[in-house]
Amino acid sequence: MYQHILVPTDGSELSHRAVDHAVALAKAVGAKITGLSVVQGSHEPAGTGVSIVGDDVQVKAAETFLAYIVDAATQAGVPFDCYYVKGESVSVEVVRAADRTGCDLICMGTHGRNTLGKLVMGSQTAAVLHECKIPVVVIR
């Protein structure tokens, strides 16, 4: 069945549900988990040269988000790897990561963390579904 499951996370409740689902599935079928967090470029006002949220803050957040996957996979005895990437588009980076790591399934939440609300991250999930060539399990 599945041998390698990609699990993008942003630390939201739905991301945690997706992690839990992916870990249980991986344990049941003997698959490996790869956790991914996408650090988006800092948003800065035009011409100021000063970022509103520094990259170091976002990287630390990504590491915290990935720690949830490390804990869940370790407790379940599921082999795993976790990393973060910097990119402008979550969906592009998720599809790229699936290709690079040889994943045969993506498990992600319907939407997640975003200051503009659920619609924005939902559009990222929709973009992954549209662009990806492998199955995607979407968790509500």
Foldseek 3Di string as FASTA:
>chain_A
DWAEEEQEWQQFPQSLVLLLVVLVVCLVVVHEYEYEYEQEDFDDDPPPPDGPDDSVNSQVSQVVRVVSNVVNNVVSVHHYHYDYYYDHAPLVVSQVVCVVVVGQEYGYECAGDDPVDGVVRNVSVVSNVVPHPHYYHYTD
